[in-house]
Amino acid sequence: MRIAAVTLAALALPTVPAAAQSSFTVESNERTLSATPVAAFQEPWAMTFLPDGALLVTEKPGTLQLVTQDGEKTAVSGVPEVAYGGQGGLGDVVPHPDFVENDVVYLSYAEPGEGGTRGAAVARATLARGDGSPALENLEVVWRQQPKVSGSGHYSHRLAFAPDGEALFITSGDRQKQTPAQDMQQALGKIIRLDPDGSVPDDNPFQDAGELARSFWSVGHRNMLGIAFDAEDRLWAIEMGPRGGDEINLIEAGENYGWPVVSNGRNYSGADIPDHATRPEFAAPEASWTPVISPAGLVIYSGDMFADWQGNALTGGLSSRALVRIDLGEQDDGTMAAEIERFDMGARIREVEQGPAGAVWVLEDGDGGRLLRLTPAGAG
């Protein structure tokens, strides 16, 4: 995500609200971090930093909060109605690459369809903040997951802009239907690439596979809850496997990542799924996890506060209740990723972002989930 330079005021360390719990420490087998609670939310799902250092935080029931770095929250009006339930509701939020000039933000969310069906959607709107009552104006839907289906799981709907700002990438989960991930007539189990206005670029890889497939960048995915570009402009996505087989993938245009034909996990019924190694025609993950970590959120760290983390990926862990650090360099086995550190957070972690001063910010999952600022222990 590209953001403009922040002001000096935005770089100031936040103070902890008087009502918040005091700072505490979290540990890996290598180091200790200081965790400072900043605010608490109702089922927080995603966050993003704006160029002035403020945050936007989504709450799954349908509220968007504008949050200062010292924890003051103001609800943003004009948020679209969401289909709340299960894994559905208000999802990701990112600013337009030219936010400083246009004040445009993008939101993903679950929306209702006919006959009880649901599907993910992405909208853009102008964030108006002039009178102290923030609001979304001129909201426009730029993408809808097709088809809408029954159930309320695996929307994915994570968002990332290409480093040049010219394309928007959307993770579109398999909605727990599995086989549509290999169906070029359904936008489930795919990574989508669009122009910022929602139109389809004519250089996407599946131009001759049908009108809907023209929007696909890659196929064969399950439930991708993190997507990010690294400093080399490579796209990474992290996704949940079934029983085992969580994976991080280096995403290439036109590749098929194999779900549900292959997985390094097993079906929930206990039935086996062939491993990636048995089907070399599918792109294999760069790293996988069994037992699972249940990854949620993904950021490629570039700050100075944790200088030895530069170029590493950070993801939250839901079932693992952890913050996981991943090396994205070539490994001895020829893969391009490996877990190198895990912090016991004591709570399900839904989201992770890098703050303007290089601190790591995480959101705990669930009702009362806290926004935490992580710094080296003893740094203040």
Protein backbone atom coordinates (compact mmCIF):
# COMPACT_ATOMS: atom_id res chain seq x y z
CA MET A 1 0.00 0.00 0.00
CA ARG A 2 1.41 3.37 -0.98
CA ILE A 3 0.88 6.28 1.43
CA ALA A 4 2.09 9.83 1.32
CA ALA A 5 4.65 11.20 3.75
CA VAL A 6 3.16 11.77 7.19
CA THR A 7 3.47 14.90 9.25
CA LEU A 8 5.81 15.09 12.23
CA ALA A 9 2.79 15.15 14.52
CA ALA A 10 1.63 11.83 13.11
CA LEU A 11 4.95 10.25 14.04
CA ALA A 12 4.55 11.06 17.73
CA LEU A 13 4.11 8.04 19.98
CA PRO A 14 0.46 7.64 21.00
CA THR A 15 -0.61 8.02 24.60
CA VAL A 16 -2.71 5.33 26.24
CA PRO A 17 -6.27 6.35 27.19
CA ALA A 18 -6.79 6.40 30.94
CA ALA A 19 -9.46 3.69 30.70
CA ALA A 20 -7.25 1.34 28.69
CA GLN A 21 -5.37 -1.55 30.14
CA SER A 22 -1.70 -0.79 30.82
CA SER A 23 1.04 -2.02 28.53
CA PHE A 24 2.16 -5.63 28.74
CA THR A 25 4.78 -7.80 27.06
CA VAL A 26 4.57 -10.55 24.46
CA GLU A 27 7.39 -12.96 23.73
CA SER A 28 8.86 -15.22 21.08
CA ASN A 29 11.81 -17.53 21.60
CA GLU A 30 14.04 -14.65 20.42
CA ARG A 31 12.79 -11.41 21.92
CA THR A 32 10.20 -9.53 23.95
CA LEU A 33 7.88 -6.83 22.64
CA SER A 34 5.92 -4.18 24.51
CA ALA A 35 2.20 -4.14 23.63
CA THR A 36 0.31 -0.90 24.31
CA PRO A 37 -3.52 -1.04 24.11
CA VAL A 38 -4.85 1.97 22.20
CA ALA A 39 -8.60 1.32 21.78
CA ALA A 40 -11.19 -1.47 21.76
CA PHE A 41 -13.79 -2.33 19.11
CA GLN A 42 -16.80 -4.48 18.35
CA GLU A 43 -15.48 -7.31 16.18
CA PRO A 44 -12.73 -5.36 14.41
CA TRP A 45 -11.75 -6.81 11.04
CA ALA A 46 -9.31 -4.50 9.25
CA MET A 47 -7.42 -1.24 9.56
CA THR A 48 -5.39 1.12 7.44
CA PHE A 49 -3.33 4.22 8.13
CA LEU A 50 -4.15 7.47 6.36
CA PRO A 51 -1.37 9.85 5.30
CA ASP A 52 -1.89 12.10 8.35
CA GLY A 53 -1.37 9.17 10.73
CA ALA A 54 -5.02 8.56 11.61
CA LEU A 55 -6.48 5.07 11.19
CA LEU A 56 -9.63 3.70 9.67
CA VAL A 57 -10.82 0.56 11.46
CA THR A 58 -13.69 -1.62 10.24
CA GLU A 59 -16.03 -3.43 12.63
CA LYS A 60 -17.67 -6.49 11.13
CA PRO A 61 -21.27 -5.59 12.17
CA GLY A 62 -21.02 -2.58 9.83
CA THR A 63 -19.29 0.39 11.48
CA LEU A 64 -16.27 2.23 10.15
CA GLN A 65 -14.29 4.08 12.81
CA LEU A 66 -11.89 6.99 12.30
CA VAL A 67 -9.31 6.58 15.06
CA THR A 68 -6.50 8.81 16.27
CA GLN A 69 -3.23 7.30 17.42
CA ASP A 70 -4.20 8.03 21.03
CA GLY A 71 -7.38 5.97 20.67
CA GLU A 72 -10.12 8.56 20.10
CA LYS A 73 -12.82 7.03 17.89
CA THR A 74 -15.41 8.67 15.65
CA ALA A 75 -17.89 6.62 13.64
CA VAL A 76 -17.96 7.38 9.92
CA SER A 77 -21.46 7.73 8.43
CA GLY A 78 -22.48 6.62 4.96
CA VAL A 79 -21.19 3.04 5.23
CA PRO A 80 -23.17 0.64 2.99
CA GLU A 81 -25.48 -1.89 4.59
CA VAL A 82 -23.72 -5.19 5.17
CA ALA A 83 -24.88 -8.79 5.38
CA TYR A 84 -23.66 -9.47 8.90
CA GLY A 85 -23.36 -13.04 10.11
CA GLY A 86 -20.86 -15.88 10.19
CA GLN A 87 -17.71 -14.59 8.52
CA GLY A 88 -19.63 -11.85 6.72
CA GLY A 89 -19.96 -8.15 7.38
CA LEU A 90 -17.79 -5.09 6.84
CA GLY A 91 -14.36 -6.19 5.66
CA ASP A 92 -11.22 -4.49 4.41
CA VAL A 93 -10.43 -0.81 3.97
CA VAL A 94 -7.61 0.85 1.99
CA PRO A 95 -6.99 4.40 0.77
CA HIS A 96 -6.68 5.21 -2.91
CA PRO A 97 -2.99 5.64 -3.84
CA ASP A 98 -3.75 9.32 -4.52
CA PHE A 99 -5.69 9.80 -1.29
CA VAL A 100 -3.88 13.05 -0.51
CA GLU A 101 -5.42 14.57 -3.65
CA ASN A 102 -8.81 12.80 -3.83
CA ASP A 103 -9.73 11.56 -0.29
CA VAL A 104 -11.02 8.28 -1.81
CA VAL A 105 -11.14 5.05 0.19
CA TYR A 106 -12.16 1.51 -0.78
CA LEU A 107 -14.23 -0.82 1.39
CA SER A 108 -15.07 -4.49 1.04
CA TYR A 109 -18.12 -6.06 2.63
CA ALA A 110 -20.66 -8.87 2.38
CA GLU A 111 -23.94 -7.86 0.77
CA PRO A 112 -27.25 -9.72 0.56
CA GLY A 113 -28.64 -11.19 -2.63
CA GLU A 114 -31.88 -12.86 -3.65
CA GLY A 115 -33.21 -15.93 -1.88
CA GLY A 116 -30.88 -15.66 1.08
CA THR A 117 -27.71 -15.62 -0.99
CA ARG A 118 -24.75 -13.41 -0.18
CA GLY A 119 -21.58 -12.23 -1.84
CA ALA A 120 -18.63 -9.94 -1.34
CA ALA A 121 -18.59 -6.44 -2.81
CA VAL A 122 -16.09 -3.60 -3.05
CA ALA A 123 -17.10 0.06 -3.06
CA ARG A 124 -15.20 3.32 -3.22
CA ALA A 125 -16.24 6.63 -1.72
CA THR A 126 -14.89 10.03 -0.74
CA LEU A 127 -14.00 10.36 2.95
CA ALA A 128 -15.21 13.81 4.04
CA ARG A 129 -13.73 15.00 7.35
CA GLY A 130 -14.04 18.79 7.21
CA ASP A 131 -16.65 19.43 9.95
CA GLY A 132 -15.49 16.83 12.47
CA SER A 133 -18.31 14.44 11.51
CA PRO A 134 -16.63 12.07 9.04
CA ALA A 135 -18.78 10.63 6.29
CA LEU A 136 -18.49 8.56 3.13
CA GLU A 137 -19.85 10.45 0.14
CA ASN A 138 -20.52 9.48 -3.49
CA LEU A 139 -20.25 5.79 -2.71
CA GLU A 140 -19.97 3.60 -5.81
CA VAL A 141 -19.75 -0.22 -6.01
CA VAL A 142 -16.84 -1.19 -8.28
CA TRP A 143 -16.96 -5.00 -7.94
CA ARG A 144 -19.37 -7.74 -6.90
CA GLN A 145 -18.50 -11.38 -6.31
CA GLN A 146 -20.25 -13.56 -8.87
CA PRO A 147 -22.25 -15.61 -8.28
CA LYS A 148 -23.86 -14.86 -4.92
CA VAL A 149 -24.33 -18.15 -3.08
CA SER A 150 -25.75 -19.51 0.17
CA GLY A 151 -23.72 -19.55 3.36
CA SER A 152 -21.67 -16.94 5.17
CA GLY A 153 -18.08 -18.12 4.97
CA HIS A 154 -14.88 -17.57 2.96
CA TYR A 155 -15.61 -14.18 1.46
CA SER A 156 -11.88 -13.31 1.75
CA HIS A 157 -12.32 -9.78 0.23
CA ARG A 158 -8.89 -8.42 1.16
CA LEU A 159 -7.68 -5.45 -0.89
CA ALA A 160 -4.30 -4.21 -2.10
CA PHE A 161 -3.18 -1.65 -4.67
CA ALA A 162 -0.23 -2.37 -6.93
CA PRO A 163 2.82 -0.27 -6.00
CA ASP A 164 2.34 1.93 -9.08
CA GLY A 165 -1.26 2.60 -8.02
CA GLU A 166 -2.62 1.48 -11.39
CA ALA A 167 -4.46 -1.70 -10.32
CA LEU A 168 -6.60 -2.93 -7.43
CA PHE A 169 -6.26 -6.56 -6.33
CA ILE A 170 -9.13 -8.32 -4.52
CA THR A 171 -9.06 -11.75 -2.91
CA SER A 172 -12.28 -13.60 -3.70
CA GLY A 173 -12.74 -16.69 -1.52
CA ASP A 174 -14.31 -19.99 -2.52
CA ARG A 175 -17.30 -19.33 -0.21
CA GLN A 176 -16.79 -22.86 1.21
CA LYS A 177 -18.02 -24.33 -2.09
CA GLN A 178 -14.57 -25.68 -3.13
CA THR A 179 -15.08 -26.64 -6.80
CA PRO A 180 -15.84 -23.10 -8.09
CA ALA A 181 -12.18 -22.29 -7.42
CA GLN A 182 -11.42 -24.20 -10.65
CA ASP A 183 -14.45 -22.91 -12.58
CA MET A 184 -13.65 -20.06 -14.97
CA GLN A 185 -17.33 -19.10 -15.06
CA GLN A 186 -17.39 -18.21 -11.35
CA ALA A 187 -15.37 -15.54 -9.55
CA LEU A 188 -14.96 -17.69 -6.43
CA GLY A 189 -11.53 -18.89 -5.34
CA LYS A 190 -9.76 -16.27 -7.44
CA ILE A 191 -7.60 -13.18 -7.13
CA ILE A 192 -9.21 -10.33 -9.06
CA ARG A 193 -7.34 -7.47 -10.77
CA LEU A 194 -9.20 -4.31 -11.74
CA ASP A 195 -8.51 -0.73 -12.67
CA PRO A 196 -9.22 1.61 -9.73
CA ASP A 197 -12.60 2.55 -11.27
CA GLY A 198 -13.65 -1.11 -11.42
CA SER A 199 -13.08 -1.65 -15.14
CA VAL A 200 -11.16 -4.72 -16.30
CA PRO A 201 -7.61 -4.23 -17.62
CA ASP A 202 -7.04 -5.67 -21.07
CA ASP A 203 -3.69 -7.18 -20.02
CA ASN A 204 -5.13 -9.57 -17.41
CA PRO A 205 -4.05 -13.16 -18.18
CA PHE A 206 -7.40 -14.89 -18.89
CA GLN A 207 -8.70 -12.72 -21.73
CA ASP A 208 -9.92 -15.71 -23.76
CA ALA A 209 -11.58 -17.74 -20.97
CA GLY A 210 -14.92 -15.90 -20.85
CA GLU A 211 -16.10 -12.43 -19.92
CA LEU A 212 -15.99 -12.97 -16.15
CA ALA A 213 -12.57 -14.62 -16.32
CA ARG A 214 -11.11 -11.48 -17.87
CA SER A 215 -11.02 -10.04 -14.34
CA PHE A 216 -9.05 -12.99 -12.87
CA TRP A 217 -5.36 -12.68 -12.03
CA SER A 218 -4.92 -16.15 -10.51
CA VAL A 219 -7.19 -19.12 -9.72
CA GLY A 220 -7.41 -22.17 -7.45
CA HIS A 221 -7.56 -20.42 -4.06
CA ARG A 222 -9.51 -21.20 -0.86
CA ASN A 223 -9.80 -18.37 1.70
CA MET A 224 -7.17 -15.64 1.32
CA LEU A 225 -7.20 -13.34 4.33
CA GLY A 226 -4.01 -11.45 3.56
CA ILE A 227 -2.50 -9.89 0.44
CA ALA A 228 0.49 -7.55 0.11
CA PHE A 229 3.24 -6.38 -2.23
CA ASP A 230 6.89 -6.49 -1.22
CA ALA A 231 9.66 -4.02 -2.04
CA GLU A 232 10.37 -5.91 -5.29
CA ASP A 233 6.73 -5.41 -6.38
CA ARG A 234 6.00 -9.12 -5.94
CA LEU A 235 2.48 -10.01 -4.81
CA TRP A 236 2.00 -12.38 -1.87
CA ALA A 237 -1.22 -13.92 -0.55
CA ILE A 238 -1.75 -15.97 2.59
CA GLU A 239 -4.72 -18.32 2.88
CA MET A 240 -6.35 -20.77 5.21
CA GLY A 241 -6.17 -24.45 4.40
CA PRO A 242 -8.73 -27.02 5.58
CA ARG A 243 -7.46 -29.37 8.34
CA GLY A 244 -3.84 -28.36 7.91
CA GLY A 245 -2.24 -26.78 4.90
CA ASP A 246 -2.42 -23.04 5.57
CA GLU A 247 -0.20 -21.54 2.90
CA ILE A 248 1.58 -18.44 1.68
CA ASN A 249 1.84 -18.06 -2.08
CA LEU A 250 3.93 -15.91 -4.39
CA ILE A 251 1.23 -14.83 -6.83
CA GLU A 252 1.99 -14.90 -10.56
CA ALA A 253 -0.37 -13.81 -13.31
CA GLY A 254 -2.28 -16.72 -14.83
CA GLU A 255 -1.20 -19.34 -12.29
CA ASN A 256 -3.47 -22.02 -10.82
CA TYR A 257 -2.78 -22.71 -7.12
CA GLY A 258 -4.62 -26.01 -7.07
CA TRP A 259 -7.52 -25.76 -4.61
CA PRO A 260 -9.50 -28.01 -4.13
CA VAL A 261 -7.64 -30.55 -6.27
CA VAL A 262 -4.51 -30.37 -4.10
CA SER A 263 -3.72 -29.16 -0.60
CA ASN A 264 -1.19 -29.93 2.08
CA GLY A 265 -4.13 -30.38 4.44
CA ARG A 266 -7.06 -32.80 4.69
CA ASN A 267 -10.81 -32.34 4.33
CA TYR A 268 -12.73 -31.66 7.55
CA SER A 269 -14.31 -35.10 7.11
CA GLY A 270 -10.85 -36.60 7.44
CA ALA A 271 -10.73 -37.57 3.76
CA ASP A 272 -7.35 -37.14 2.17
CA ILE A 273 -6.52 -34.46 -0.39
CA PRO A 274 -3.53 -35.09 -2.68
CA ASP A 275 -0.53 -32.98 -1.67
CA HIS A 276 0.82 -30.26 -3.93
CA ALA A 277 3.84 -32.41 -4.72
CA THR A 278 1.62 -34.94 -6.54
CA ARG A 279 0.42 -32.40 -9.13
CA PRO A 280 3.32 -30.26 -10.38
CA GLU A 281 1.08 -28.49 -12.91
CA PHE A 282 -0.33 -26.47 -9.99
CA ALA A 283 1.71 -23.71 -8.31
CA ALA A 284 2.88 -24.93 -4.90
CA PRO A 285 2.94 -22.74 -1.78
CA GLU A 286 6.21 -21.16 -0.72
CA ALA A 287 5.46 -22.27 2.86
CA SER A 288 2.63 -24.17 4.52
CA TRP A 289 1.55 -24.87 8.09
CA THR A 290 0.25 -28.04 9.71
CA PRO A 291 -0.97 -27.56 12.44
CA VAL A 292 -2.58 -24.44 11.06
CA ILE A 293 -1.93 -20.89 12.20
CA SER A 294 -5.23 -19.58 10.72
CA PRO A 295 -3.57 -16.54 9.09
CA ALA A 296 -5.38 -13.20 9.00
CA GLY A 297 -3.89 -10.00 7.61
CA LEU A 298 -0.54 -9.63 5.86
CA VAL A 299 2.02 -6.83 5.72
CA ILE A 300 5.58 -6.76 4.36
CA TYR A 301 7.61 -4.85 6.92
CA SER A 302 9.81 -1.95 5.73
CA GLY A 303 10.34 0.19 8.84
CA ASP A 304 13.37 1.08 10.95
CA MET A 305 11.96 0.30 14.40
CA PHE A 306 12.56 -3.42 13.75
CA ALA A 307 15.47 -3.10 11.33
CA ASP A 308 16.14 -6.86 11.13
CA TRP A 309 12.52 -7.43 10.05
CA GLN A 310 12.82 -5.42 6.83
CA GLY A 311 11.49 -7.48 3.91
CA ASN A 312 9.81 -10.01 6.22
CA ALA A 313 6.09 -10.75 6.14
CA LEU A 314 3.95 -10.44 9.26
CA THR A 315 0.60 -12.16 9.65
CA GLY A 316 -1.86 -12.50 12.49
CA GLY A 317 -2.89 -15.90 13.74
CA LEU A 318 -6.47 -16.66 14.78
CA SER A 319 -6.42 -20.22 16.13
CA SER A 320 -2.70 -19.89 16.87
CA ARG A 321 -3.33 -16.66 18.84
CA ALA A 322 -0.05 -15.34 17.50
CA LEU A 323 1.86 -12.82 15.45
CA VAL A 324 3.94 -14.75 12.92
CA ARG A 325 7.07 -13.44 11.17
CA ILE A 326 7.98 -15.00 7.82
CA ASP A 327 11.23 -14.76 5.86
CA LEU A 328 10.58 -14.12 2.16
CA GLY A 329 14.02 -15.12 0.91
CA GLU A 330 15.17 -18.23 -0.91
CA GLN A 331 15.24 -21.24 1.43
CA ASP A 332 17.47 -24.31 1.40
CA ASP A 333 14.65 -26.37 -0.13
CA GLY A 334 14.19 -23.93 -3.02
CA THR A 335 11.01 -22.32 -1.68
CA MET A 336 10.76 -18.59 -1.06
CA ALA A 337 9.26 -18.40 2.45
CA ALA A 338 9.66 -19.84 5.95
CA GLU A 339 8.39 -18.96 9.41
CA ILE A 340 11.19 -17.56 11.54
CA GLU A 341 9.49 -16.20 14.65
CA ARG A 342 6.16 -16.44 16.47
CA PHE A 343 4.88 -14.24 19.29
CA ASP A 344 2.32 -15.60 21.73
CA MET A 345 -0.31 -12.82 21.77
CA GLY A 346 -2.76 -14.52 24.13
CA ALA A 347 -5.66 -13.65 21.83
CA ARG A 348 -6.86 -14.29 18.29
CA ILE A 349 -5.18 -11.76 15.97
CA ARG A 350 -7.33 -10.57 13.08
CA GLU A 351 -5.17 -7.91 11.42
CA VAL A 352 -1.63 -6.53 11.32
CA GLU A 353 -0.28 -3.28 9.84
CA GLN A 354 2.90 -1.24 9.93
CA GLY A 355 2.42 2.20 11.49
CA PRO A 356 3.94 5.44 10.20
CA ALA A 357 6.80 5.37 12.76
CA GLY A 358 7.63 1.70 12.11
CA ALA A 359 5.72 0.22 15.05
CA VAL A 360 3.61 -2.85 14.36
CA TRP A 361 -0.11 -2.48 15.03
CA VAL A 362 -2.43 -5.45 15.48
CA LEU A 363 -6.15 -5.94 16.00
CA GLU A 364 -7.45 -8.63 18.30
CA ASP A 365 -10.46 -10.55 17.01
CA GLY A 366 -13.97 -10.57 18.46
CA ASP A 367 -16.16 -8.31 20.60
CA GLY A 368 -13.91 -6.05 22.64
CA GLY A 369 -10.94 -6.75 20.38
CA ARG A 370 -8.16 -4.29 21.12
CA LEU A 371 -5.94 -2.25 18.88
CA LEU A 372 -2.37 -2.85 20.11
CA ARG A 373 0.80 -1.00 19.26
CA LEU A 374 3.90 -3.22 19.37
CA THR A 375 7.38 -1.79 19.98
CA PRO A 376 10.68 -3.27 21.15
CA ALA A 377 10.55 -3.91 24.88
CA GLY A 378 12.15 -1.04 26.76
CA ALA A 379 11.69 1.43 23.89
CA GLY A 380 8.96 3.35 25.73
